[in-house]
Amino acid sequence: MMKLKDKVAIITGAGAGIGEATALLFAREGAKVCCSDLSPAAQRVVDAIRAEGGDAQFVQGDVSLGQDAKRIVEETVKRYGKIDILNNIAGIVVNGSVEDCPVKDFDQCMKINVRGVYLCSKYAIPYLRKTRGVIVNCSSIVAMKGVVNRAAYTASKGAVLSLTKAMAMDHIQDRIRVNAICPGTTDTPSLADRISRMDNPEEARRQFIARQPLGRLGTPQEIAEGMLLLACNEFCTGTILAIDGGMSI
């Protein structure tokens, strides 16, 4: 039996990596999926879902802009009539310590990773209230365990973690559940792109793998399975789920 039959899900950052894997998994579990991304690559994910017999639409937008976040929500409701699940996955990685990170990069990281979660949730909550729905935010294991050269990114993902807890309390009487997943280092196109731009890509990949005691990178599919668990388990709210290959040990 499909776990999300007749559910409607918005997935931001659906064009690649964890967002893409989550969109495909949710569609296979019966959800109608709004795939949102700044990149038109999300249309390819929609096409893949439709090719498998699923129902999906692409809404392009920048989650850090209020008008775009609102439009993503409204276009979903216009097509499907409701929202049951919001997956806030869109995000960027910014390198540098507090001293090294340019102000503009810090601001951009907070804008997309935190403001984007705030805006999409803000506009979705009135509809989630009607369906007693769920929000699943994508934080990171770095919110629990500091790593070098990631000050802005760590701050943003820590904010997502705290915002998740606050939202869970604020909306518990609405029967809206709010959870967060904390992935470890995951083998995504974003990671591959960052590694390719490093001085020694082979050594950089080795170091990324070494961060996980299990001795490998996570897969987007493994993280998507965690997103599905948090969306489905009705006894989870304010839950923070680490899928990190032991990185937080």
Protein backbone atom coordinates (compact mmCIF):
# COMPACT_ATOMS: atom_id res chain seq x y z
CA MET A 1 0.00 0.00 0.00
CA MET A 2 1.32 3.43 -0.93
CA LYS A 3 2.10 5.53 2.15
CA LEU A 4 1.15 8.91 0.63
CA LYS A 5 -1.88 8.01 -1.46
CA ASP A 6 -4.00 11.11 -2.16
CA LYS A 7 -1.54 13.41 -0.38
CA VAL A 8 -0.23 16.65 -1.92
CA ALA A 9 3.39 17.59 -1.27
CA ILE A 10 5.48 20.66 -2.05
CA ILE A 11 9.19 19.93 -2.35
CA THR A 12 11.57 22.86 -2.66
CA GLY A 13 15.01 22.28 -4.12
CA ALA A 14 13.52 19.46 -6.19
CA GLY A 15 15.84 19.91 -9.15
CA ALA A 16 18.70 17.75 -7.88
CA GLY A 17 20.15 15.76 -5.01
CA ILE A 18 18.04 15.22 -1.89
CA GLY A 19 15.14 17.26 -3.29
CA GLU A 20 15.01 15.22 -6.48
CA ALA A 21 15.21 11.91 -4.60
CA THR A 22 12.45 13.03 -2.22
CA ALA A 23 10.17 14.12 -5.07
CA LEU A 24 10.60 10.79 -6.85
CA LEU A 25 10.06 8.76 -3.66
CA PHE A 26 7.00 10.70 -2.58
CA ALA A 27 5.46 10.34 -6.04
CA ARG A 28 6.10 6.59 -6.00
CA GLU A 29 4.34 6.48 -2.63
CA GLY A 30 1.25 8.06 -4.20
CA ALA A 31 1.67 11.79 -3.54
CA LYS A 32 0.87 14.49 -6.04
CA VAL A 33 4.04 16.57 -6.07
CA CYS A 34 4.82 20.23 -6.68
CA CYS A 35 8.50 20.28 -7.63
CA SER A 36 9.89 23.74 -6.96
CA ASP A 37 13.36 24.99 -7.72
CA LEU A 38 15.15 28.09 -8.92
CA SER A 39 16.61 25.95 -11.69
CA PRO A 40 14.49 24.68 -14.61
CA ALA A 41 16.15 21.30 -13.99
CA ALA A 42 13.16 20.44 -11.78
CA GLN A 43 11.08 20.05 -14.94
CA ARG A 44 13.18 16.98 -15.70
CA VAL A 45 12.12 15.53 -12.33
CA VAL A 46 8.48 16.28 -13.11
CA ASP A 47 8.86 14.53 -16.46
CA ALA A 48 10.37 11.48 -14.74
CA ILE A 49 7.47 11.32 -12.27
CA ARG A 50 4.92 11.58 -15.06
CA ALA A 51 6.73 8.89 -17.06
CA GLU A 52 6.20 6.55 -14.09
CA GLY A 53 2.49 7.38 -14.02
CA GLY A 54 2.65 9.92 -11.22
CA ASP A 55 1.21 13.43 -10.98
CA ALA A 56 3.58 16.39 -10.65
CA GLN A 57 4.02 20.00 -11.64
CA PHE A 58 7.00 22.37 -11.76
CA VAL A 59 6.79 25.82 -10.20
CA GLN A 60 9.97 27.81 -10.65
CA GLY A 61 10.85 30.24 -7.90
CA ASP A 62 13.31 31.66 -5.40
CA VAL A 63 12.20 30.60 -1.91
CA SER A 64 13.94 33.61 -0.37
CA LEU A 65 11.52 35.97 -2.14
CA GLY A 66 8.12 36.42 -0.54
CA GLN A 67 6.22 36.67 -3.80
CA ASP A 68 7.84 33.49 -5.12
CA ALA A 69 7.23 31.48 -1.94
CA LYS A 70 3.61 32.57 -1.93
CA ARG A 71 3.23 31.69 -5.62
CA ILE A 72 4.67 28.21 -5.10
CA VAL A 73 2.03 27.56 -2.45
CA GLU A 74 -0.82 29.14 -4.42
CA GLU A 75 0.02 27.31 -7.65
CA THR A 76 -0.01 24.02 -5.76
CA VAL A 77 -3.42 24.74 -4.24
CA LYS A 78 -4.74 25.96 -7.59
CA ARG A 79 -3.83 22.65 -9.24
CA TYR A 80 -4.46 20.16 -6.44
CA GLY A 81 -6.87 21.93 -4.07
CA LYS A 82 -4.86 21.40 -0.88
CA ILE A 83 -1.44 20.87 0.70
CA ASP A 84 -0.64 18.01 3.06
CA ILE A 85 3.16 18.10 3.18
CA LEU A 86 5.78 20.83 2.84
CA ASN A 87 9.39 19.70 2.42
CA ASN A 88 11.76 22.65 2.82
CA ILE A 89 14.89 21.29 1.13
CA ALA A 90 16.19 24.19 -0.99
CA GLY A 91 19.54 25.44 0.26
CA ILE A 92 23.11 26.41 -0.53
CA VAL A 93 26.52 25.67 1.00
CA VAL A 94 28.87 28.57 1.74
CA ASN A 95 32.51 28.03 2.70
CA GLY A 96 34.63 29.98 5.16
CA SER A 97 35.12 30.84 8.80
CA VAL A 98 33.49 33.92 10.31
CA GLU A 99 36.67 35.82 9.51
CA ASP A 100 36.95 34.57 5.92
CA CYS A 101 33.32 34.47 4.80
CA PRO A 102 32.31 37.58 2.83
CA VAL A 103 29.30 39.41 4.26
CA LYS A 104 27.37 38.99 1.02
CA ASP A 105 27.91 35.22 1.11
CA PHE A 106 26.81 35.01 4.75
CA ASP A 107 23.67 37.01 3.98
CA GLN A 108 22.86 34.89 0.91
CA CYS A 109 23.24 31.68 2.90
CA MET A 110 20.89 32.88 5.63
CA LYS A 111 18.49 34.27 3.04
CA ILE A 112 18.01 30.99 1.20
CA ASN A 113 18.53 28.45 3.97
CA VAL A 114 16.56 30.19 6.74
CA ARG A 115 14.37 32.90 5.22
CA GLY A 116 13.29 30.39 2.55
CA VAL A 117 12.06 27.95 5.21
CA TYR A 118 10.28 30.78 7.02
CA LEU A 119 8.54 32.13 3.91
CA CYS A 120 7.40 28.81 2.45
CA SER A 121 6.12 27.70 5.84
CA LYS A 122 4.38 31.03 6.45
CA TYR A 123 2.33 30.76 3.27
CA ALA A 124 1.69 27.02 3.54
CA ILE A 125 0.53 26.91 7.16
CA PRO A 126 -3.02 28.21 6.52
CA TYR A 127 -3.54 25.30 4.10
CA LEU A 128 -1.74 22.76 6.30
CA ARG A 129 -4.03 23.78 9.15
CA LYS A 130 -6.99 22.56 7.07
CA THR A 131 -5.42 19.18 6.35
CA ARG A 132 -3.60 18.73 9.67
CA GLY A 133 -0.47 18.46 7.58
CA VAL A 134 3.24 18.25 8.18
CA ILE A 135 6.36 20.28 7.48
CA VAL A 136 9.73 18.55 7.13
CA ASN A 137 12.73 20.87 7.11
CA CYS A 138 16.17 19.92 5.84
CA SER A 139 18.78 20.94 8.40
CA SER A 140 22.23 19.30 8.57
CA ILE A 141 24.31 17.30 10.98
CA VAL A 142 26.63 20.33 11.19
CA ALA A 143 23.88 21.95 13.28
CA MET A 144 24.81 19.41 15.96
CA LYS A 145 28.53 19.05 15.30
CA GLY A 146 30.73 21.88 14.11
CA VAL A 147 33.00 21.36 11.12
CA VAL A 148 35.78 23.61 9.87
CA ASN A 149 35.25 26.21 7.17
CA ARG A 150 31.43 26.22 7.33
CA ALA A 151 30.50 29.04 9.73
CA ALA A 152 27.66 30.58 7.70
CA TYR A 153 26.25 27.23 6.61
CA THR A 154 26.39 25.84 10.15
CA ALA A 155 24.67 28.96 11.51
CA SER A 156 21.92 28.68 8.92
CA LYS A 157 21.26 25.00 9.58
CA GLY A 158 21.31 25.59 13.33
CA ALA A 159 18.66 28.24 12.78
CA VAL A 160 16.56 25.74 10.80
CA LEU A 161 16.82 23.30 13.70
CA SER A 162 15.67 25.91 16.24
CA LEU A 163 12.94 27.18 13.92
CA THR A 164 11.65 23.62 13.57
CA LYS A 165 11.28 23.30 17.34
CA ALA A 166 9.55 26.69 17.61
CA MET A 167 7.14 25.91 14.79
CA ALA A 168 6.34 22.51 16.26
CA MET A 169 5.28 24.18 19.51
CA ASP A 170 3.46 27.07 17.84
CA HIS A 171 1.30 24.78 15.70
CA ILE A 172 0.78 21.71 17.84
CA GLN A 173 -2.77 22.83 18.63
CA ASP A 174 -3.40 23.12 14.89
CA ARG A 175 -2.30 19.49 14.58
CA ILE A 176 0.43 20.58 12.17
CA ARG A 177 3.53 18.49 12.79
CA VAL A 178 6.95 20.05 12.14
CA ASN A 179 10.11 17.93 11.96
CA ALA A 180 13.65 18.21 10.63
CA ILE A 181 16.17 15.87 9.12
CA CYS A 182 19.92 16.26 9.61
CA PRO A 183 21.85 14.59 6.80
CA GLY A 184 25.50 13.79 7.00
CA THR A 185 27.72 14.28 3.96
CA THR A 186 25.62 13.18 1.02
CA ASP A 187 26.75 12.29 -2.49
CA THR A 188 24.84 14.99 -4.38
CA PRO A 189 25.60 17.00 -7.54
CA SER A 190 26.20 19.99 -5.26
CA LEU A 191 28.95 18.14 -3.40
CA ALA A 192 30.47 16.86 -6.63
CA ASP A 193 30.55 20.40 -8.02
CA ARG A 194 32.26 21.78 -4.92
CA ILE A 195 34.81 18.96 -4.91
CA SER A 196 35.60 19.50 -8.59
CA ARG A 197 36.58 23.10 -7.88
CA MET A 198 39.05 22.21 -5.13
CA ASP A 199 42.82 22.09 -5.63
CA ASN A 200 42.97 18.34 -5.07
CA PRO A 201 39.52 16.85 -5.80
CA GLU A 202 40.58 13.27 -5.06
CA GLU A 203 41.94 14.17 -1.63
CA ALA A 204 38.94 16.40 -0.91
CA ARG A 205 36.52 13.55 -1.63
CA ARG A 206 38.56 11.25 0.61
CA GLN A 207 38.30 13.77 3.44
CA PHE A 208 34.54 14.15 2.99
CA ILE A 209 34.14 10.36 3.17
CA ALA A 210 36.37 10.16 6.26
CA ARG A 211 33.97 12.37 8.23
CA GLN A 212 31.51 9.45 8.46
CA PRO A 213 32.55 6.57 10.72
CA LEU A 214 30.67 4.23 8.36
CA GLY A 215 33.33 5.10 5.80
CA ARG A 216 31.16 6.31 2.94
CA LEU A 217 28.94 9.15 1.78
CA GLY A 218 25.20 8.99 2.19
CA THR A 219 22.95 8.71 -0.84
CA PRO A 220 20.12 11.13 -1.65
CA GLN A 221 17.74 8.15 -1.56
CA GLU A 222 18.71 7.35 2.03
CA ILE A 223 17.97 10.92 3.09
CA ALA A 224 14.68 10.88 1.17
CA GLU A 225 13.63 7.79 3.13
CA GLY A 226 14.11 9.80 6.31
CA MET A 227 11.98 12.61 4.88
CA LEU A 228 9.26 10.04 4.19
CA LEU A 229 9.43 8.67 7.74
CA LEU A 230 9.02 12.15 9.26
CA ALA A 231 6.16 12.93 6.90
CA CYS A 232 4.29 9.71 7.72
CA ASN A 233 4.88 9.00 11.40
CA GLU A 234 2.06 10.84 13.16
CA PHE A 235 3.74 10.60 16.57
CA CYS A 236 6.66 12.73 15.38
CA THR A 237 6.62 16.47 15.92
CA GLY A 238 9.65 18.53 16.85
CA THR A 239 11.62 15.42 15.93
CA ILE A 240 15.20 15.86 14.74
CA LEU A 241 16.35 12.84 12.74
CA ALA A 242 20.06 12.39 12.03
CA ILE A 243 20.94 10.26 9.01
CA ASP A 244 24.66 10.84 9.05
CA GLY A 245 26.72 7.66 8.81
CA GLY A 246 27.70 8.08 12.44
CA MET A 247 29.14 11.57 11.97
CA SER A 248 27.46 12.83 15.15
CA ILE A 249 28.84 10.06 17.37
